Amino acid sequence: MALKAKVLYDFHSENPGEISIAENEVVTLFSEEELEGWLEGENSKGEAGLFPASYVEIIRDHITSNNNGFSLTQTKVQTSYTSSQPHRGFGADSSSFHTSQGSDDDWDDEWDDSSPVANVPQGLSSSPPLHPVASSLPGRGSSQQQQAKSSATVGRNLNRFSTFVKSGGEAFLLGEASAFVKDGDRICVVMGKHGPEWQEDPYPFTCTIDDPTKQTKFKGMKSYMSYGLTPTHTNVQVNRRYKHFDWLYGRLVERFPVISVPHLPEKQATGRFEEDFLSKRRKGLIWWMNHMTSHPVLAHCDVFQHFLTCGADEKAWKQGKRKAERDELVGANFFLTISPPSVPLDLQEVESKIEGFKTFTKKMDENIIVVNTSINEFGRKQISGFKKEYQKVGQSFKLLAQAFELDQQVFSVGLNKAISYTGESYEAIGEYFADQPRQDLDLISDLLDIYKGHLANFPDIIHVQKGALTKVKDCPKKEGELHDRCNIISFATLAEIQHFHRTRVRDFRSQMQYHLRQQISFFQKITAKLEDALQIYDDDQ
């Protein structure tokens, strides 16, 4: 018998392969298996294709017995797909929420987790929750369910693809979040000199990343690169592959909806073992790690600490991996972990600050492109154009010296040598120019790359906060109970913005100082080379 489902919300197809469905329509499912948050089936018009799994509830036929035999009774069971959300444009790149794909990213045998339990998406497992569920919002007490029902009268966002919805921000604001929060999981926001900020890290640490080493498995049939990580708070090295970083990134993005998790260096399908690529990837990972360890929240979250401290113990790794993948404090429940200051926020002032930051990030993003284009073009000219021109001048001086050597006069020998050395000096200076971008310009480009990733994160973070503000404005009767939850989201967002600015000032000040020092050293080296050439003319008089 074909599996049927009732449509809960209207959905209008926008991409090839999707079909439109209407509220209360009954559709036929080809399979109950979810494809990245989508189901495949046929609507009442006979059109076949994909539609969001969260927009329908499956109608199941269950067999019940009576005295005369068996009869069919129809019941409706709403499916719950909480482990992943549908993305527009099915089949497009969704690496932001998934671990790496391809031969480079298959888990090592000793790191793999083939247990079927570990791979069951949240909401589909028949096992009970691992931890007791309890509300941690103040003042909810035993009336939690009643409050959740009353808040349900607040308008719900029907765009289930909205970041405000997918992040859990809406569910939290409506009072639907509930989870047991341990003291160690609490994230404190405090009022600093310049506004809300994350509580300062009392135990800061850093982590070094060694040059990658080539490893093999399956008796040498497969090769991969391994990076040695040594955090200063343990001084014990652990080895990680890029796919392990990628898995961690996916967990962090899911765990922290209003924190900007730095993007990892881009993947590359070919040339994965080439020296230039490995060098660039390592530099990108170092920037990534520096931003992780300097963030008061990210640096001490359980999954990141497990990543840094779990050695080659297969059992310990799997236990930590499963715990991270079953984390209850994601989505709406993440906001339960935030302990805000007791000082109330002026939501109009918050909105003004958010709009100002939105304008700032837009302009910074635009100008990062300009700077990157300019320094890349300048670097290209140094590597090819400047080098070529200096070498051309140097060769012309050497040709002049060769012509002068045809003169057999003894007193011209010194001049000939000096001019020839001048030509060699210009050729050397050409090499200096070709090598210099690696010393300074490339490092600025690496810094811009990490910030392009942060800037790409903030539209979603801002959308969550603005969604909360909009709900409070649209529901004046519920303003009291919504206001406190909106304050929590606002405090977290402003704290993250504050951290971004502090880190940005630190990074750009340090990198520009280093760049200018390298430039000074570069021109001093050129000056020294020219002074050497000049001295030869004096010595041979």
Protein backbone atom coordinates (compact mmCIF):
# COMPACT_ATOMS: atom_id res chain seq x y z
CA MET A 1 0.00 0.00 0.00
CA ALA A 2 1.41 3.41 -0.99
CA LEU A 3 2.63 5.63 1.83
CA LYS A 4 0.63 8.85 2.15
CA ALA A 5 1.38 12.15 3.87
CA LYS A 6 -0.70 15.20 4.72
CA VAL A 7 0.72 18.61 3.77
CA LEU A 8 1.07 21.05 6.70
CA TYR A 9 2.22 24.17 4.83
CA ASP A 10 2.10 25.49 1.28
CA PHE A 11 5.33 25.01 -0.63
CA HIS A 12 6.03 26.53 -4.05
CA SER A 13 8.74 24.89 -6.12
CA GLU A 14 11.54 27.16 -7.32
CA ASN A 15 14.13 24.73 -8.69
CA PRO A 16 14.15 21.84 -11.14
CA GLY A 17 13.25 18.57 -9.45
CA GLU A 18 10.94 20.19 -6.86
CA ILE A 19 7.14 20.10 -6.88
CA SER A 20 4.60 22.46 -5.33
CA ILE A 21 2.31 21.18 -2.58
CA ALA A 22 -0.66 22.84 -0.84
CA GLU A 23 -1.80 22.81 2.78
CA ASN A 24 -4.15 19.87 3.62
CA GLU A 25 -3.27 18.16 0.34
CA VAL A 26 -2.51 14.42 0.55
CA VAL A 27 0.64 13.41 -1.29
CA THR A 28 2.11 10.00 -2.12
CA LEU A 29 5.64 9.23 -0.89
CA PHE A 30 7.98 7.15 -3.01
CA SER A 31 10.17 6.48 0.02
CA GLU A 32 10.24 7.40 3.68
CA GLU A 33 13.99 7.98 3.42
CA GLU A 34 14.97 11.63 3.88
CA LEU A 35 17.40 13.23 1.41
CA GLU A 36 19.08 16.13 3.21
CA GLY A 37 15.75 17.29 4.62
CA TRP A 38 13.69 16.49 1.50
CA LEU A 39 11.27 13.72 0.61
CA GLU A 40 10.41 12.45 -2.86
CA GLY A 41 6.84 11.84 -3.92
CA GLU A 42 3.85 12.77 -6.07
CA ASN A 43 1.28 15.51 -5.47
CA SER A 44 -2.44 15.33 -6.23
CA LYS A 45 -1.80 16.71 -9.74
CA GLY A 46 0.36 13.72 -10.58
CA GLU A 47 3.60 15.74 -10.54
CA ALA A 48 6.60 13.87 -9.12
CA GLY A 49 9.57 15.45 -7.38
CA LEU A 50 11.02 16.73 -4.11
CA PHE A 51 9.45 18.73 -1.28
CA PRO A 52 10.58 19.59 2.30
CA ALA A 53 10.16 16.75 4.80
CA SER A 54 9.23 19.22 7.56
CA TYR A 55 6.22 20.41 5.53
CA VAL A 56 4.33 17.11 5.78
CA GLU A 57 3.22 14.51 8.30
CA ILE A 58 3.09 10.87 7.30
CA ILE A 59 -0.24 9.02 7.50
CA ARG A 60 0.44 5.48 8.64
CA ASP A 61 -1.96 2.50 8.44
CA HIS A 62 -1.72 0.35 11.55
CA ILE A 63 -3.27 -3.10 11.92
CA THR A 64 -5.35 -3.67 15.05
CA SER A 65 -7.13 -6.84 16.09
CA ASN A 66 -10.72 -7.44 17.22
CA ASN A 67 -12.79 -10.50 18.07
CA ASN A 68 -13.54 -11.23 14.43
CA GLY A 69 -9.99 -10.91 13.11
CA PHE A 70 -8.08 -7.86 11.92
CA SER A 71 -9.05 -4.43 10.62
CA LEU A 72 -7.16 -1.44 9.38
CA THR A 73 -7.27 1.80 11.36
CA GLN A 74 -5.67 4.92 10.04
CA THR A 75 -3.54 7.13 12.30
CA LYS A 76 -1.35 10.14 11.60
CA VAL A 77 2.21 10.31 12.83
CA GLN A 78 4.17 13.48 12.25
CA THR A 79 7.72 12.81 11.19
CA SER A 80 10.52 14.70 12.90
CA TYR A 81 13.72 15.45 11.04
CA THR A 82 15.78 17.46 13.49
CA SER A 83 19.22 16.32 12.44
CA SER A 84 19.29 18.23 9.17
CA GLN A 85 17.37 20.96 7.43
CA PRO A 86 16.36 21.10 3.77
CA HIS A 87 18.45 23.42 1.64
CA ARG A 88 17.25 25.35 -1.38
CA GLY A 89 18.65 23.95 -4.60
CA PHE A 90 18.81 20.25 -3.77
CA GLY A 91 22.14 18.75 -4.67
CA ALA A 92 24.06 22.00 -4.21
CA ASP A 93 27.10 22.25 -1.98
CA SER A 94 26.08 21.93 1.66
CA SER A 95 29.52 21.40 3.14
CA SER A 96 28.83 23.94 5.83
CA PHE A 97 26.74 21.36 7.64
CA HIS A 98 28.24 18.06 6.55
CA THR A 99 31.54 16.30 6.87
CA SER A 100 33.86 15.97 3.90
CA GLN A 101 33.07 13.75 0.99
CA GLY A 102 35.33 11.83 -1.35
CA SER A 103 38.34 9.58 -1.07
CA ASP A 104 40.31 12.12 0.94
CA ASP A 105 37.63 12.25 3.55
CA ASP A 106 36.76 8.65 4.32
CA TRP A 107 37.30 8.02 8.01
CA ASP A 108 40.32 5.98 8.98
CA ASP A 109 39.47 2.51 10.20
CA GLU A 110 40.71 3.32 13.66
CA TRP A 111 38.66 6.53 13.73
CA ASP A 112 35.55 5.33 11.96
CA ASP A 113 32.27 4.92 13.76
CA SER A 114 30.32 2.25 11.96
CA SER A 115 27.83 1.71 14.78
CA PRO A 116 24.33 2.05 13.35
CA VAL A 117 23.20 3.79 16.51
CA ALA A 118 25.68 6.60 15.99
CA ASN A 119 24.40 7.21 12.48
CA VAL A 120 20.69 7.44 13.31
CA PRO A 121 19.53 11.04 12.85
CA GLN A 122 18.09 12.82 15.85
CA GLY A 123 14.35 12.36 16.06
CA LEU A 124 14.37 8.97 14.28
CA SER A 125 15.90 6.94 17.09
CA SER A 126 13.54 4.87 19.22
CA SER A 127 15.81 5.15 22.26
CA PRO A 128 14.95 7.70 25.00
CA PRO A 129 17.01 10.88 25.55
CA LEU A 130 20.34 10.38 27.29
CA HIS A 131 19.75 13.18 29.80
CA PRO A 132 16.77 14.33 31.84
CA VAL A 133 14.85 17.11 30.16
CA ALA A 134 14.10 20.18 32.22
CA SER A 135 13.57 23.85 31.51
CA SER A 136 16.31 26.21 32.54
CA LEU A 137 14.45 29.40 31.71
CA PRO A 138 13.62 31.39 34.87
CA GLY A 139 10.02 31.50 35.96
CA ARG A 140 8.71 28.63 33.84
CA GLY A 141 8.43 25.97 36.51
CA SER A 142 5.57 23.50 36.31
CA SER A 143 3.59 25.73 33.96
CA GLN A 144 6.08 25.13 31.15
CA GLN A 145 3.65 23.28 28.88
CA GLN A 146 0.87 25.82 29.41
CA GLN A 147 3.21 28.67 28.57
CA ALA A 148 4.41 26.88 25.47
CA LYS A 149 0.81 26.44 24.36
CA SER A 150 -0.06 30.05 25.04
CA SER A 151 3.02 31.25 23.19
CA ALA A 152 1.92 29.16 20.25
CA THR A 153 -0.70 31.82 19.59
CA VAL A 154 2.17 34.08 18.57
CA GLY A 155 2.51 34.10 14.79
CA ARG A 156 4.83 31.33 13.61
CA ASN A 157 7.12 31.89 10.67
CA LEU A 158 5.83 29.72 7.84
CA ASN A 159 9.12 29.95 5.97
CA ARG A 160 10.72 26.84 7.39
CA PHE A 161 13.92 27.66 5.45
CA SER A 162 14.34 30.87 7.43
CA THR A 163 17.58 30.98 9.43
CA PHE A 164 15.55 32.25 12.37
CA VAL A 165 13.56 29.02 12.25
CA LYS A 166 16.35 26.59 11.36
CA SER A 167 18.66 27.95 14.06
CA GLY A 168 16.05 27.28 16.75
CA GLY A 169 15.73 30.99 17.51
CA GLU A 170 11.98 31.02 16.89
CA ALA A 171 11.32 27.91 18.99
CA PHE A 172 13.34 29.37 21.86
CA LEU A 173 11.53 32.70 21.65
CA LEU A 174 8.17 30.91 21.75
CA GLY A 175 9.19 29.09 24.94
CA GLU A 176 9.49 25.65 23.33
CA ALA A 177 13.11 24.98 24.30
CA SER A 178 13.71 22.57 27.17
CA ALA A 179 16.85 20.72 28.15
CA PHE A 180 18.95 19.96 31.18
CA VAL A 181 21.83 22.45 31.34
CA LYS A 182 24.80 21.63 33.56
CA ASP A 183 26.78 24.40 35.18
CA GLY A 184 29.74 23.51 32.99
CA ASP A 185 27.66 24.14 29.87
CA ARG A 186 26.62 27.65 30.85
CA ILE A 187 27.91 30.52 28.73
CA CYS A 188 28.15 33.86 30.51
CA VAL A 189 27.67 37.26 28.93
CA VAL A 190 28.87 40.21 31.01
CA MET A 191 28.59 43.97 30.63
CA GLY A 192 31.99 45.32 29.62
CA LYS A 193 33.23 48.84 29.08
CA HIS A 194 31.90 48.88 25.52
CA GLY A 195 28.75 46.79 25.99
CA PRO A 196 27.89 43.07 26.28
CA GLU A 197 30.80 40.67 25.81
CA TRP A 198 31.62 37.03 26.44
CA GLN A 199 33.08 36.43 29.88
CA GLU A 200 36.86 36.49 29.68
CA ASP A 201 38.57 33.12 29.37
CA PRO A 202 40.28 32.40 32.74
CA TYR A 203 42.43 29.64 31.22
CA PRO A 204 43.64 30.83 27.79
CA PHE A 205 45.75 28.52 25.66
CA THR A 206 47.12 28.23 22.14
CA CYS A 207 47.75 25.33 19.80
CA THR A 208 50.56 24.77 17.30
CA ILE A 209 50.15 22.86 14.03
CA ASP A 210 53.20 21.10 12.61
CA ASP A 211 53.97 20.57 8.94
CA PRO A 212 51.84 17.67 7.66
CA THR A 213 53.35 14.24 7.23
CA LYS A 214 52.28 11.67 4.68
CA GLN A 215 50.73 8.53 6.15
CA THR A 216 49.45 5.35 4.53
CA LYS A 217 46.93 2.65 5.32
CA PHE A 218 45.63 -0.54 3.73
CA LYS A 219 49.26 -1.69 3.31
CA GLY A 220 50.20 1.45 1.42
CA MET A 221 47.23 1.42 -0.96
CA LYS A 222 45.87 4.71 0.36
CA SER A 223 47.76 7.85 1.41
CA TYR A 224 46.71 10.85 3.46
CA MET A 225 48.26 13.83 5.23
CA SER A 226 48.30 14.09 9.01
CA TYR A 227 48.84 17.27 11.04
CA GLY A 228 50.41 17.24 14.50
CA LEU A 229 48.50 19.46 16.96
CA THR A 230 49.99 20.45 20.32
CA PRO A 231 47.78 22.53 22.66
CA THR A 232 49.67 24.43 25.33
CA HIS A 233 47.33 23.42 28.15
CA THR A 234 48.25 19.73 27.70
CA ASN A 235 51.55 19.82 25.77
CA VAL A 236 50.53 16.46 24.30
CA GLN A 237 50.53 16.08 20.53
CA VAL A 238 47.55 14.56 18.72
CA ASN A 239 47.35 13.79 15.00
CA ARG A 240 44.44 14.97 12.89
CA ARG A 241 43.51 14.81 9.22
CA TYR A 242 41.69 17.56 7.39
CA LYS A 243 38.45 15.56 7.49
CA HIS A 244 38.63 15.56 11.29
CA PHE A 245 38.72 19.37 11.19
CA ASP A 246 35.78 19.25 8.79
CA TRP A 247 33.76 17.01 11.10
CA LEU A 248 34.49 19.34 14.03
CA TYR A 249 33.45 22.37 11.99
CA GLY A 250 30.09 20.76 11.23
CA ARG A 251 29.43 20.07 14.90
CA LEU A 252 30.37 23.62 15.94
CA VAL A 253 28.14 25.25 13.32
CA GLU A 254 25.22 23.13 14.54
CA ARG A 255 26.00 23.84 18.19
CA PHE A 256 26.46 27.64 18.09
CA PRO A 257 23.89 29.44 15.89
CA VAL A 258 24.89 33.00 16.92
CA ILE A 259 28.66 32.48 17.11
CA SER A 260 30.83 32.93 14.03
CA VAL A 261 32.72 29.66 13.61
CA PRO A 262 35.74 30.42 11.39
CA HIS A 263 35.68 28.74 7.98
CA LEU A 264 38.22 26.07 7.18
CA PRO A 265 40.62 26.37 4.21
CA GLU A 266 38.96 25.24 1.00
CA LYS A 267 39.12 21.64 -0.19
CA GLN A 268 40.92 20.62 -3.35
CA ALA A 269 40.08 17.59 -5.45
CA THR A 270 43.47 17.29 -7.16
CA GLY A 271 47.02 18.07 -6.15
CA ARG A 272 46.30 17.32 -2.50
CA PHE A 273 49.90 16.26 -1.88
CA GLU A 274 51.59 19.16 -3.66
CA GLU A 275 53.89 21.24 -1.49
CA ASP A 276 52.33 24.63 -2.32
CA PHE A 277 48.82 23.39 -1.55
CA LEU A 278 49.87 21.75 1.73
CA SER A 279 51.73 24.90 2.80
CA LYS A 280 48.71 27.10 2.08
CA ARG A 281 46.34 24.69 3.84
CA ARG A 282 48.55 24.56 6.92
CA LYS A 283 48.68 28.37 7.10
CA GLY A 284 44.89 28.45 6.79
CA LEU A 285 44.51 25.88 9.57
CA ILE A 286 46.85 27.90 11.81
CA TRP A 287 44.65 30.98 11.33
CA TRP A 288 41.58 28.83 12.00
CA MET A 289 43.09 27.40 15.16
CA ASN A 290 44.16 30.82 16.43
CA HIS A 291 40.61 32.11 16.08
CA MET A 292 39.22 29.03 17.80
CA THR A 293 41.56 29.13 20.80
CA SER A 294 41.08 32.89 21.27
CA HIS A 295 37.27 32.63 21.43
CA PRO A 296 36.09 32.40 25.07
CA VAL A 297 33.18 30.11 24.16
CA LEU A 298 34.49 27.97 21.31
CA ALA A 299 37.86 27.30 22.96
CA HIS A 300 36.37 25.46 25.92
CA CYS A 301 33.35 23.69 24.42
CA ASP A 302 33.39 19.92 24.95
CA VAL A 303 33.65 18.87 21.31
CA PHE A 304 36.63 21.16 20.60
CA GLN A 305 38.45 20.01 23.73
CA HIS A 306 37.79 16.39 22.76
CA PHE A 307 39.25 17.12 19.32
CA LEU A 308 42.41 18.60 20.88
CA THR A 309 43.01 16.09 23.64
CA CYS A 310 41.78 12.66 22.51
CA GLY A 311 44.76 10.64 21.31
CA ALA A 312 44.77 7.39 19.35
CA ASP A 313 42.38 5.66 21.77
CA GLU A 314 39.68 4.45 19.36
CA LYS A 315 37.08 3.81 22.04
CA ALA A 316 37.50 7.22 23.66
CA TRP A 317 37.28 8.96 20.29
CA LYS A 318 34.08 7.15 19.34
CA GLN A 319 32.46 7.92 22.68
CA GLY A 320 33.26 11.62 22.33
CA LYS A 321 32.13 11.62 18.70
CA ARG A 322 28.79 10.03 19.55
CA LYS A 323 28.27 12.40 22.46
CA ALA A 324 28.87 15.38 20.18
CA GLU A 325 26.49 14.05 17.52
CA ARG A 326 23.77 13.48 20.14
CA ASP A 327 24.25 16.84 21.82
CA GLU A 328 20.92 18.12 23.14
CA LEU A 329 22.13 21.69 23.54
CA VAL A 330 21.78 22.57 19.86
CA GLY A 331 19.23 24.68 18.06
CA ALA A 332 16.69 26.24 20.42
CA ASN A 333 18.31 24.58 23.42
CA PHE A 334 21.60 26.38 22.81
CA PHE A 335 20.01 29.62 24.00
CA LEU A 336 19.17 27.96 27.32
CA THR A 337 22.90 27.80 28.06
CA ILE A 338 23.36 31.58 27.92
CA SER A 339 23.45 33.43 31.24
CA PRO A 340 22.87 37.12 30.45
CA PRO A 341 23.56 40.15 32.67
CA SER A 342 20.70 41.38 34.81
CA VAL A 343 20.81 44.77 33.08
CA PRO A 344 17.86 45.12 30.65
CA LEU A 345 18.51 46.06 27.05
CA ASP A 346 16.84 48.84 25.09
CA LEU A 347 15.65 46.91 22.06
CA GLN A 348 15.55 50.04 19.92
CA GLU A 349 19.21 50.68 20.75
CA VAL A 350 19.99 47.03 20.03
CA GLU A 351 18.34 47.30 16.63
CA SER A 352 20.36 50.43 15.85
CA LYS A 353 23.63 48.68 16.78
CA ILE A 354 22.75 45.65 14.69
CA GLU A 355 21.94 47.82 11.67
CA GLY A 356 25.22 49.68 12.13
CA PHE A 357 27.15 46.42 12.27
CA LYS A 358 25.30 45.15 9.21
CA THR A 359 26.40 48.24 7.27
CA PHE A 360 29.96 47.82 8.55
CA THR A 361 30.23 44.16 7.50
CA LYS A 362 28.83 44.92 4.05
CA LYS A 363 31.42 47.66 3.48
CA MET A 364 34.24 45.54 4.93
CA ASP A 365 33.28 42.63 2.69
CA GLU A 366 33.31 44.87 -0.39
CA ASN A 367 36.69 46.39 0.46
CA ILE A 368 38.27 43.04 1.31
CA ILE A 369 37.61 42.10 -2.32
CA VAL A 370 39.28 45.33 -3.46
CA VAL A 371 42.33 44.78 -1.24
CA ASN A 372 42.67 41.15 -2.23
CA THR A 373 42.47 42.02 -5.92
CA SER A 374 45.03 44.79 -5.54
CA ILE A 375 47.63 42.81 -3.58
CA ASN A 376 47.23 39.76 -5.81
CA GLU A 377 47.82 41.90 -8.89
CA PHE A 378 50.77 43.62 -7.23
CA GLY A 379 52.22 40.27 -6.17
CA ARG A 380 51.80 38.91 -9.70
CA LYS A 381 53.68 41.92 -11.07
CA GLN A 382 56.50 41.39 -8.58
CA ILE A 383 56.80 37.69 -9.36
CA SER A 384 56.76 38.09 -13.11
CA GLY A 385 56.90 41.72 -14.29
CA PHE A 386 59.32 43.29 -11.79
CA LYS A 387 61.61 40.27 -11.82
CA LYS A 388 61.69 40.25 -15.60
CA GLU A 389 62.36 43.99 -15.89
CA TYR A 390 65.17 44.00 -13.33
CA GLN A 391 66.77 40.98 -14.96
CA LYS A 392 66.50 42.66 -18.37
CA VAL A 393 68.32 45.72 -17.04
CA GLY A 394 70.91 43.51 -15.34
CA GLN A 395 71.57 41.57 -18.52
CA SER A 396 71.98 44.79 -20.49
CA PHE A 397 74.63 46.00 -18.01
CA LYS A 398 76.45 42.68 -18.33
CA LEU A 399 76.38 42.99 -22.13
CA LEU A 400 77.90 46.44 -21.82
CA ALA A 401 80.67 45.02 -19.62
CA GLN A 402 81.35 42.32 -22.21
CA ALA A 403 81.70 45.00 -24.90
CA PHE A 404 84.12 46.96 -22.70
CA GLU A 405 86.23 43.82 -22.21
CA LEU A 406 87.16 43.99 -25.89
CA ASP A 407 89.29 46.97 -24.89
CA GLN A 408 92.64 45.49 -23.83
CA GLN A 409 93.65 48.52 -21.76
CA VAL A 410 94.69 47.47 -18.25
CA PHE A 411 93.11 50.50 -16.56
CA SER A 412 89.62 49.49 -17.82
CA VAL A 413 89.55 46.09 -16.09
CA GLY A 414 88.20 47.46 -12.81
CA LEU A 415 85.37 49.31 -14.53
CA ASN A 416 84.41 46.22 -16.51
CA LYS A 417 84.18 44.13 -13.32
CA ALA A 418 82.10 46.81 -11.55
CA ILE A 419 79.59 47.12 -14.40
CA SER A 420 79.29 43.33 -14.64
CA TYR A 421 78.66 43.15 -10.87
CA THR A 422 76.03 45.88 -11.21
CA GLY A 423 74.25 43.70 -13.77
CA GLU A 424 74.40 40.72 -11.39
CA SER A 425 73.02 42.92 -8.60
CA TYR A 426 70.01 43.90 -10.69
CA GLU A 427 69.35 40.25 -11.51
CA ALA A 428 69.51 39.43 -7.78
CA ILE A 429 67.13 42.29 -6.99
CA GLY A 430 64.72 40.80 -9.54
CA GLU A 431 64.80 37.55 -7.55
CA TYR A 432 64.16 39.51 -4.35
CA PHE A 433 61.02 40.97 -5.88
CA ALA A 434 59.82 37.55 -7.05
CA ASP A 435 60.28 36.06 -3.59
CA GLN A 436 58.88 38.96 -1.54
CA PRO A 437 55.09 38.36 -1.90
CA ARG A 438 55.49 35.09 0.04
CA GLN A 439 57.00 37.11 2.90
CA ASP A 440 54.27 39.73 3.28
CA LEU A 441 51.47 40.03 0.68
CA ASP A 442 50.45 36.37 0.83
CA LEU A 443 50.08 36.64 4.60
CA ILE A 444 47.66 39.55 4.24
CA SER A 445 45.69 37.49 1.72
CA ASP A 446 45.52 34.61 4.22
CA LEU A 447 44.17 36.98 6.86
CA LEU A 448 41.54 38.32 4.47
CA ASP A 449 40.44 34.76 3.71
CA ILE A 450 39.66 33.99 7.35
CA TYR A 451 37.69 37.24 7.65
CA LYS A 452 35.77 36.60 4.44
CA GLY A 453 34.53 33.47 6.20
CA HIS A 454 33.46 35.41 9.29
CA LEU A 455 31.68 38.03 7.19
CA ALA A 456 29.81 35.25 5.38
CA ASN A 457 28.58 33.97 8.77
CA PHE A 458 27.15 37.20 10.12
CA PRO A 459 24.08 37.61 7.85
CA ASP A 460 22.60 34.45 9.38
CA ILE A 461 23.57 35.53 12.91
CA ILE A 462 21.98 38.94 12.36
CA HIS A 463 18.89 37.30 10.85
CA VAL A 464 18.33 35.29 14.05
CA GLN A 465 18.54 38.40 16.20
CA LYS A 466 16.34 40.50 13.90
CA GLY A 467 13.79 37.68 13.78
CA ALA A 468 13.56 37.81 17.57
CA LEU A 469 13.14 41.60 17.56
CA THR A 470 10.40 41.36 14.94
CA LYS A 471 8.46 38.82 17.03
CA VAL A 472 8.54 41.11 20.06
CA LYS A 473 7.34 44.07 17.98
CA ASP A 474 4.55 42.06 16.35
CA CYS A 475 3.23 40.63 19.63
CA PRO A 476 2.78 43.47 22.14
CA LYS A 477 0.49 41.36 24.34
CA LYS A 478 3.23 38.80 24.78
CA GLU A 479 5.98 41.39 25.11
CA GLY A 480 6.78 40.59 28.75
CA GLU A 481 7.61 36.92 28.33
CA LEU A 482 9.07 37.32 24.84
CA HIS A 483 11.20 40.28 25.88
CA ASP A 484 13.36 38.24 28.28
CA ARG A 485 14.08 35.60 25.67
CA CYS A 486 14.75 38.25 23.04
CA ASN A 487 17.19 39.84 25.48
CA ILE A 488 19.13 36.57 25.70
CA ILE A 489 19.46 36.35 21.91
CA SER A 490 20.41 40.05 21.75
CA PHE A 491 23.03 39.74 24.51
CA ALA A 492 24.64 36.76 22.74
CA THR A 493 24.63 38.53 19.35
CA LEU A 494 26.13 41.73 20.73
CA ALA A 495 28.77 39.76 22.65
CA GLU A 496 29.77 37.98 19.44
CA ILE A 497 29.95 41.28 17.55
CA GLN A 498 32.15 42.70 20.31
CA HIS A 499 34.46 39.68 20.11
CA PHE A 500 34.66 40.02 16.32
CA HIS A 501 35.75 43.65 16.56
CA ARG A 502 38.36 42.96 19.24
CA THR A 503 39.81 40.08 17.25
CA ARG A 504 39.74 42.10 14.02
CA VAL A 505 41.69 44.98 15.60
CA ARG A 506 44.22 42.56 17.06
CA ASP A 507 44.74 40.65 13.81
CA PHE A 508 44.93 43.56 11.40
CA ARG A 509 47.17 45.64 13.65
CA SER A 510 49.58 42.73 14.07
CA GLN A 511 49.55 41.76 10.38
CA MET A 512 50.02 45.30 9.06
CA GLN A 513 52.90 45.88 11.47
CA TYR A 514 54.52 42.67 10.27
CA HIS A 515 53.93 43.65 6.64
CA LEU A 516 55.62 47.01 7.05
CA ARG A 517 58.58 45.48 8.88
CA GLN A 518 58.99 43.01 6.03
CA GLN A 519 58.80 45.81 3.49
CA ILE A 520 61.45 47.81 5.34
CA SER A 521 63.69 44.75 5.52
CA PHE A 522 63.07 44.09 1.82
CA PHE A 523 64.14 47.56 0.69
CA GLN A 524 67.07 47.53 3.10
CA LYS A 525 68.23 44.34 1.40
CA ILE A 526 67.94 46.03 -2.01
CA THR A 527 69.78 49.09 -0.72
CA ALA A 528 72.57 46.90 0.68
CA LYS A 529 72.95 45.15 -2.68
CA LEU A 530 73.22 48.47 -4.53
CA GLU A 531 75.70 49.81 -1.98
CA ASP A 532 77.88 46.73 -2.54
CA ALA A 533 77.86 47.42 -6.28
CA LEU A 534 78.74 51.06 -5.69
CA GLN A 535 81.66 50.12 -3.45
CA ILE A 536 83.29 48.10 -6.26
CA TYR A 537 83.59 51.22 -8.42
CA ASP A 538 85.48 52.95 -5.58
CA ASP A 539 87.72 49.94 -4.86
CA ASP A 540 88.93 49.62 -8.45
CA GLN A 541 89.89 53.24 -9.09
